[in-house]
Amino acid sequence: MFSFAARALAASPPSTPAKRAPSSRDDLETDRGRGGEDAPVTPTKGAPVRVDAAVKGVYRYIDKKTYLDWGLTSDWSVEGPRKRRSIGGDDDVAAKREREEADGDDARGAKKAKTATEEGEDENAASEGYGEMTEGSIERLLQLLQGLSSADLDAPLPVRTPVKGKSMSEMWADLNLCEDSTFIDVGSGYGKVVFHAALSAKVAKSVGIEYVPSRAQKASEVQAELLNGDRAFMTDEGRELVSPPRCELEQGDATTRGAFKFSHIYMYDRVFNEKTLALLAKQLNRSNFQVLVTYQRVELWRRLGLRNVEHVHSFTMRTTGGQNFKAYIFVKGAYGGAGAA
């Protein structure tokens, strides 16, 4: 994720973790008490969301396996010294971003991200930091995607040729994330969202592509360890859902991967630079997807060349560092159904 895959800067840890105290009910997150109107929302506003025990176990397991790698956990449950990293060893970049977020400065979202790059790293595969969304936010997002065709959205779905005897919701039912869907996380990091989609939405295929070799390697190690039968939180069904070829993790540059043959695309692209986004726009224009979840506004994507998409909804997500970011849901204007990966 940095490099190309940076799912997010989102989160240098706050100086006082007490701002987000761990809940004694880790599998249940609600919108109440989460910072007022900017708090994450569920598909049914104010309703609690329950994260499956296997999903929660995966998040905690990855936290324990990787917390020294970049210093955050999903719920601040790991105590003791943590190692903060920024790409190229410059902590000032992450610190600056943290200060800007604290000040609520989102104006830079439309600006070109200035990125620090590792020696020998491709410029178009760079970003400034690393962060993750909480499992509660991802679960809310997946629930929304599962009922997208009938959800209360910010904007109407694009017009389709009427079909006699079918409501608009029925005509758009193929937008819904379901067991027939194929899902890819572009910039998948340690694989949390990939495993989450596989376990919670039980999609037909869940794939992650990560640019940073060390993160991709750790994600592959986690997958192997989830499958070996030693994790009490993993049921037989869970192991089947996260097994290849149904669930796959790749290391590589998504800007050169080719068309994304998936029905649903997720990317935490908030700090991808504009060169990377422009290359991705070309890939997306060649891709037969149905739904795209991005952290960049549609105006920026259109300026960079993305065509034939309509913004239908924005959705507040919360990071492990206690920050809120908007995810934007785009629907492809016309398509013939997404193919399998």
Protein backbone atom coordinates (compact mmCIF):
# COMPACT_ATOMS: atom_id res chain seq x y z
CA MET A 1 0.00 0.00 0.00
CA PHE A 2 2.30 2.78 0.25
CA SER A 3 3.97 2.53 -2.90
CA PHE A 4 1.16 1.80 -5.07
CA ALA A 5 -0.96 0.13 -2.67
CA ALA A 6 -1.32 2.53 0.11
CA ARG A 7 -4.63 1.97 1.57
CA ALA A 8 -4.04 4.73 3.63
CA LEU A 9 -2.30 7.20 5.37
CA ALA A 10 -5.24 7.34 7.45
CA ALA A 11 -3.58 6.69 10.48
CA SER A 12 -0.68 7.73 12.43
CA PRO A 13 -1.79 6.84 15.96
CA PRO A 14 -3.09 9.67 18.09
CA SER A 15 -0.72 10.78 20.81
CA THR A 16 -3.31 9.72 23.39
CA PRO A 17 -4.86 6.36 22.53
CA ALA A 18 -7.45 6.97 25.22
CA LYS A 19 -9.33 9.03 22.65
CA ARG A 20 -10.58 5.73 21.37
CA ALA A 21 -10.73 3.34 24.27
CA PRO A 22 -11.11 -0.35 23.48
CA SER A 23 -14.65 -1.60 23.85
CA SER A 24 -15.41 -4.51 26.11
CA ARG A 25 -17.80 -5.63 23.39
CA ASP A 26 -15.34 -5.93 20.53
CA ASP A 27 -17.75 -7.68 18.22
CA LEU A 28 -20.40 -4.96 18.49
CA GLU A 29 -19.86 -1.42 17.29
CA THR A 30 -22.52 1.27 17.30
CA ASP A 31 -22.68 4.82 16.05
CA ARG A 32 -23.60 6.17 19.45
CA GLY A 33 -20.81 7.87 21.34
CA ARG A 34 -18.53 8.07 18.30
CA GLY A 35 -18.18 11.79 17.78
CA GLY A 36 -21.56 13.09 16.71
CA GLU A 37 -22.62 13.60 13.13
CA ASP A 38 -19.22 12.70 11.70
CA ALA A 39 -19.27 9.26 13.29
CA PRO A 40 -19.55 6.24 10.97
CA VAL A 41 -23.10 5.43 9.97
CA THR A 42 -24.69 2.07 9.42
CA PRO A 43 -27.09 1.20 6.59
CA THR A 44 -29.80 1.64 9.22
CA LYS A 45 -28.76 4.81 10.99
CA GLY A 46 -27.94 4.30 14.64
CA ALA A 47 -28.31 0.53 14.52
CA PRO A 48 -25.55 -1.66 15.93
CA VAL A 49 -23.44 -3.74 13.61
CA ARG A 50 -22.20 -7.14 14.69
CA VAL A 51 -18.88 -8.38 13.36
CA ASP A 52 -18.67 -12.14 12.96
CA ALA A 53 -16.40 -13.88 15.45
CA ALA A 54 -14.22 -15.33 12.70
CA VAL A 55 -13.76 -11.89 11.12
CA LYS A 56 -12.93 -10.36 14.49
CA GLY A 57 -10.45 -13.16 15.11
CA VAL A 58 -8.74 -12.54 11.77
CA TYR A 59 -8.33 -8.84 12.52
CA ARG A 60 -6.88 -9.53 15.95
CA TYR A 61 -4.55 -12.20 14.60
CA ILE A 62 -3.21 -9.90 11.88
CA ASP A 63 -2.79 -7.12 14.45
CA LYS A 64 -0.62 -9.34 16.63
CA LYS A 65 1.39 -10.54 13.68
CA THR A 66 2.04 -7.11 12.19
CA TYR A 67 1.86 -4.45 14.89
CA LEU A 68 5.63 -3.93 15.01
CA ASP A 69 5.59 -3.43 11.27
CA TRP A 70 3.74 -0.12 11.36
CA GLY A 71 2.47 0.43 14.86
CA LEU A 72 -1.33 0.28 14.90
CA THR A 73 -3.89 -2.30 15.91
CA SER A 74 -7.60 -2.39 15.25
CA ASP A 75 -8.54 -1.50 18.81
CA TRP A 76 -5.40 -0.29 20.61
CA SER A 77 -5.23 -3.66 22.36
CA VAL A 78 -1.48 -4.09 22.00
CA GLU A 79 0.50 -2.24 24.64
CA GLY A 80 4.14 -1.22 24.78
CA PRO A 81 6.50 0.50 22.36
CA ARG A 82 5.53 0.56 18.73
CA LYS A 83 7.64 1.25 15.69
CA ARG A 84 6.37 4.08 13.51
CA ARG A 85 7.43 3.99 9.92
CA SER A 86 7.09 6.25 6.94
CA ILE A 87 8.28 5.43 3.52
CA GLY A 88 11.92 6.53 3.26
CA GLY A 89 12.23 6.98 7.02
CA ASP A 90 10.88 10.51 7.17
CA ASP A 91 8.49 10.73 10.11
CA ASP A 92 7.78 14.39 9.33
CA VAL A 93 5.49 13.34 6.46
CA ALA A 94 3.25 11.24 8.67
CA ALA A 95 3.32 13.84 11.44
CA LYS A 96 2.27 16.57 9.02
CA ARG A 97 -0.60 14.51 7.74
CA GLU A 98 -1.73 13.76 11.29
CA ARG A 99 -1.76 17.48 12.13
CA GLU A 100 -3.70 18.29 8.97
CA GLU A 101 -6.33 15.68 9.73
CA ALA A 102 -6.65 16.94 13.29
CA ASP A 103 -7.34 20.39 11.88
CA GLY A 104 -10.02 18.97 9.60
CA ASP A 105 -8.26 20.11 6.46
CA ASP A 106 -9.76 18.06 3.64
CA ALA A 107 -9.07 20.62 0.94
CA ARG A 108 -5.88 18.83 -0.01
CA GLY A 109 -7.93 15.83 -1.15
CA ALA A 110 -8.29 17.40 -4.58
CA LYS A 111 -4.61 18.28 -4.80
CA LYS A 112 -1.89 16.10 -6.16
CA ALA A 113 -0.49 13.97 -3.36
CA LYS A 114 3.18 14.67 -2.81
CA THR A 115 4.78 11.34 -2.18
CA ALA A 116 8.02 10.16 -0.68
CA THR A 117 9.44 7.20 -2.54
CA GLU A 118 11.80 4.43 -1.59
CA GLU A 119 15.02 4.13 -3.53
CA GLY A 120 14.29 2.41 -6.81
CA GLU A 121 10.53 2.52 -6.31
CA ASP A 122 8.18 3.41 -9.16
CA GLU A 123 6.84 6.93 -8.78
CA ASN A 124 3.37 5.87 -9.85
CA ALA A 125 3.26 3.27 -7.09
CA ALA A 126 3.86 5.53 -4.13
CA SER A 127 2.02 7.04 -1.20
CA GLU A 128 2.87 8.62 2.08
CA GLY A 129 1.73 6.23 4.74
CA TYR A 130 -0.28 3.29 5.89
CA GLY A 131 -3.48 2.87 7.83
CA GLU A 132 -6.57 0.74 8.05
CA MET A 133 -10.31 0.99 8.53
CA THR A 134 -11.87 -0.59 11.59
CA GLU A 135 -13.62 -3.90 11.13
CA GLY A 136 -16.89 -2.20 12.16
CA SER A 137 -16.62 0.32 9.32
CA ILE A 138 -15.78 -2.38 6.78
CA GLU A 139 -18.71 -4.49 8.00
CA ARG A 140 -21.07 -1.51 7.63
CA LEU A 141 -19.78 -0.91 4.12
CA LEU A 142 -20.23 -4.55 3.13
CA GLN A 143 -23.77 -4.54 4.52
CA LEU A 144 -24.57 -1.43 2.48
CA LEU A 145 -23.14 -3.03 -0.67
CA GLN A 146 -25.20 -6.17 -0.05
CA GLY A 147 -28.40 -4.13 -0.33
CA LEU A 148 -27.20 -1.35 -2.62
CA SER A 149 -30.02 -1.63 -5.18
CA SER A 150 -32.67 -0.73 -2.58
CA ALA A 151 -30.60 1.46 -0.24
CA ASP A 152 -31.39 5.08 0.58
CA LEU A 153 -28.62 6.68 -1.49
CA ASP A 154 -27.40 10.25 -1.98
CA ALA A 155 -28.22 10.13 -5.69
CA PRO A 156 -30.48 7.94 -7.81
CA LEU A 157 -29.01 5.01 -9.65
CA PRO A 158 -28.37 5.64 -13.35
CA VAL A 159 -31.34 5.16 -15.66
CA ARG A 160 -31.76 1.73 -17.17
CA THR A 161 -34.13 0.66 -19.89
CA PRO A 162 -37.35 -0.31 -18.09
CA VAL A 163 -38.17 -3.99 -17.94
CA LYS A 164 -41.85 -4.84 -17.76
CA GLY A 165 -42.87 -6.21 -14.40
CA LYS A 166 -39.60 -5.23 -12.65
CA SER A 167 -39.06 -2.43 -10.19
CA MET A 168 -35.95 -0.24 -10.38
CA SER A 169 -34.56 -2.08 -7.35
CA GLU A 170 -35.04 -5.42 -9.11
CA MET A 171 -33.46 -4.10 -12.28
CA TRP A 172 -30.36 -3.10 -10.31
CA ALA A 173 -30.21 -6.21 -8.11
CA ASP A 174 -26.96 -7.28 -9.77
CA LEU A 175 -25.25 -4.38 -8.01
CA ASN A 176 -25.67 -6.12 -4.67
CA LEU A 177 -22.62 -7.81 -3.18
CA CYS A 178 -23.58 -11.47 -2.83
CA GLU A 179 -22.32 -15.03 -3.13
CA ASP A 180 -22.14 -14.64 -6.92
CA SER A 181 -20.01 -11.48 -6.72
CA THR A 182 -16.29 -11.13 -7.32
CA PHE A 183 -14.36 -8.66 -5.16
CA ILE A 184 -10.90 -7.11 -5.34
CA ASP A 185 -9.08 -4.88 -2.86
CA VAL A 186 -6.56 -2.74 -4.75
CA GLY A 187 -3.83 -2.04 -2.23
CA SER A 188 -4.75 -4.87 0.12
CA GLY A 189 -1.97 -4.54 2.68
CA TYR A 190 -2.10 -7.41 5.15
CA GLY A 191 -5.34 -8.74 3.64
CA LYS A 192 -7.91 -7.76 6.25
CA VAL A 193 -10.54 -6.48 3.82
CA VAL A 194 -9.97 -9.42 1.49
CA PHE A 195 -10.55 -11.93 4.29
CA HIS A 196 -13.47 -9.86 5.60
CA ALA A 197 -15.31 -9.89 2.25
CA ALA A 198 -14.70 -13.62 1.93
CA LEU A 199 -15.96 -14.45 5.43
CA SER A 200 -18.78 -11.93 5.82
CA ALA A 201 -20.23 -11.50 2.33
CA LYS A 202 -19.15 -15.02 1.26
CA VAL A 203 -18.38 -13.75 -2.23
CA ALA A 204 -17.54 -16.17 -5.02
CA LYS A 205 -14.02 -14.75 -5.23
CA SER A 206 -12.11 -12.32 -3.02
CA VAL A 207 -8.73 -11.07 -4.23
CA GLY A 208 -6.17 -8.61 -2.93
CA ILE A 209 -3.26 -7.04 -4.76
CA GLU A 210 -0.50 -5.37 -2.75
CA TYR A 211 2.53 -3.54 -4.10
CA VAL A 212 4.81 -3.69 -1.04
CA PRO A 213 6.46 -7.15 -0.99
CA SER A 214 6.80 -7.33 2.80
CA ARG A 215 3.11 -6.71 3.33
CA ALA A 216 2.08 -9.12 0.61
CA GLN A 217 4.34 -11.74 2.18
CA LYS A 218 2.80 -11.26 5.61
CA ALA A 219 -0.70 -11.49 4.14
CA SER A 220 0.21 -14.80 2.47
CA GLU A 221 1.67 -16.08 5.74
CA VAL A 222 -1.54 -15.17 7.55
CA GLN A 223 -3.63 -16.99 4.96
CA ALA A 224 -1.53 -20.15 5.33
CA GLU A 225 -1.81 -19.97 9.11
CA LEU A 226 -5.58 -19.48 8.98
CA LEU A 227 -5.85 -22.65 6.93
CA ASN A 228 -3.69 -24.93 9.08
CA GLY A 229 -6.43 -25.68 11.60
CA ASP A 230 -4.67 -24.22 14.65
CA ARG A 231 -6.86 -21.11 14.99
CA ALA A 232 -9.86 -21.72 17.21
CA PHE A 233 -11.81 -18.83 15.69
CA MET A 234 -11.65 -20.40 12.21
CA THR A 235 -14.46 -22.86 11.47
CA ASP A 236 -14.38 -25.41 8.68
CA GLU A 237 -16.60 -23.09 6.65
CA GLY A 238 -14.30 -20.16 7.37
CA ARG A 239 -11.26 -22.06 6.18
CA GLU A 240 -13.07 -22.97 2.99
CA LEU A 241 -14.05 -19.34 2.38
CA VAL A 242 -10.46 -18.04 2.70
CA SER A 243 -8.85 -20.88 0.74
CA PRO A 244 -7.43 -20.44 -2.77
CA PRO A 245 -8.64 -20.15 -5.46
CA ARG A 246 -11.71 -18.63 -3.82
CA CYS A 247 -9.54 -16.21 -1.82
CA GLU A 248 -6.24 -15.10 -3.35
CA LEU A 249 -3.52 -12.61 -2.43
CA GLU A 250 -1.19 -11.18 -5.04
CA GLN A 251 1.97 -9.10 -4.89
CA GLY A 252 2.29 -6.67 -7.75
CA ASP A 253 1.52 -3.31 -9.27
CA ALA A 254 -2.19 -2.95 -9.94
CA THR A 255 -1.54 -0.19 -12.50
CA THR A 256 -0.04 -2.82 -14.81
CA ARG A 257 -2.35 -5.72 -13.91
CA GLY A 258 -4.75 -5.16 -16.76
CA ALA A 259 -8.53 -4.90 -16.69
CA PHE A 260 -10.16 -5.71 -13.36
CA LYS A 261 -12.54 -8.57 -14.06
CA PHE A 262 -14.48 -8.19 -10.84
CA SER A 263 -18.00 -7.05 -10.04
CA HIS A 264 -16.91 -4.98 -7.00
CA ILE A 265 -13.68 -3.00 -6.62
CA TYR A 266 -12.49 -1.50 -3.33
CA MET A 267 -9.45 0.73 -3.02
CA TYR A 268 -8.20 2.84 -0.14
CA ASP A 269 -6.65 5.28 -2.59
CA ARG A 270 -6.72 8.41 -0.46
CA VAL A 271 -2.99 9.02 -0.78
CA PHE A 272 -2.31 7.55 -4.20
CA ASN A 273 -0.62 10.18 -6.30
CA GLU A 274 -2.28 11.52 -9.43
CA LYS A 275 -0.03 9.60 -11.77
CA THR A 276 -1.10 6.36 -10.10
CA LEU A 277 -4.77 7.39 -10.19
CA ALA A 278 -4.56 8.31 -13.87
CA LEU A 279 -3.10 4.88 -14.68
CA LEU A 280 -5.82 3.25 -12.61
CA ALA A 281 -8.46 5.28 -14.47
CA LYS A 282 -7.23 3.72 -17.72
CA GLN A 283 -7.47 0.26 -16.18
CA LEU A 284 -10.96 0.97 -14.84
CA ASN A 285 -12.15 2.23 -18.23
CA ARG A 286 -11.23 -1.19 -19.66
CA SER A 287 -12.83 -3.06 -16.76
CA ASN A 288 -16.29 -4.57 -16.68
CA PHE A 289 -16.99 -3.84 -13.01
CA GLN A 290 -20.31 -2.85 -11.47
CA VAL A 291 -19.41 -1.00 -8.25
CA LEU A 292 -16.30 0.96 -7.27
CA VAL A 293 -15.57 2.07 -3.70
CA THR A 294 -12.95 4.82 -3.59
CA TYR A 295 -11.80 7.58 -1.25
CA GLN A 296 -11.40 10.11 -4.08
CA ARG A 297 -14.19 12.34 -5.31
CA VAL A 298 -15.77 11.72 -8.69
CA GLU A 299 -14.63 15.16 -9.94
CA LEU A 300 -10.99 14.17 -9.49
CA TRP A 301 -11.50 10.82 -11.17
CA ARG A 302 -13.21 12.44 -14.15
CA ARG A 303 -10.44 14.98 -14.51
CA LEU A 304 -7.97 12.07 -14.62
CA GLY A 305 -9.94 10.32 -17.35
CA LEU A 306 -12.34 7.90 -15.62
CA ARG A 307 -15.47 7.54 -17.74
CA ASN A 308 -18.94 6.08 -17.51
CA VAL A 309 -19.34 6.07 -13.73
CA GLU A 310 -21.89 7.80 -11.53
CA HIS A 311 -21.43 8.73 -7.90
CA VAL A 312 -24.43 7.39 -5.96
CA HIS A 313 -23.42 7.56 -2.30
CA SER A 314 -20.86 8.70 0.24
CA PHE A 315 -20.23 6.75 3.41
CA THR A 316 -18.25 7.76 6.50
CA MET A 317 -15.54 5.29 7.49
CA ARG A 318 -13.42 5.26 10.65
CA THR A 319 -9.73 4.43 10.77
CA THR A 320 -7.84 2.54 13.41
CA GLY A 321 -6.26 5.87 14.30
CA GLY A 322 -9.66 7.32 15.23
CA GLN A 323 -10.12 9.47 12.12
CA ASN A 324 -13.13 9.66 9.81
CA PHE A 325 -12.88 9.60 6.02
CA LYS A 326 -15.48 9.56 3.28
CA ALA A 327 -15.74 6.57 1.01
CA TYR A 328 -17.50 7.21 -2.29
CA ILE A 329 -19.55 4.58 -4.08
CA PHE A 330 -19.61 4.74 -7.87
CA VAL A 331 -21.79 2.66 -10.17
CA LYS A 332 -20.81 1.92 -13.73
CA GLY A 333 -23.29 3.55 -16.05
CA ALA A 334 -23.60 0.66 -18.48
CA TYR A 335 -22.17 -2.80 -18.36
CA GLY A 336 -22.90 -6.33 -19.37
CA GLY A 337 -22.08 -8.02 -16.09
CA ALA A 338 -18.69 -8.52 -14.51
CA GLY A 339 -16.64 -11.58 -15.27
CA ALA A 340 -14.81 -13.79 -12.84
CA ALA A 341 -11.18 -13.08 -12.09
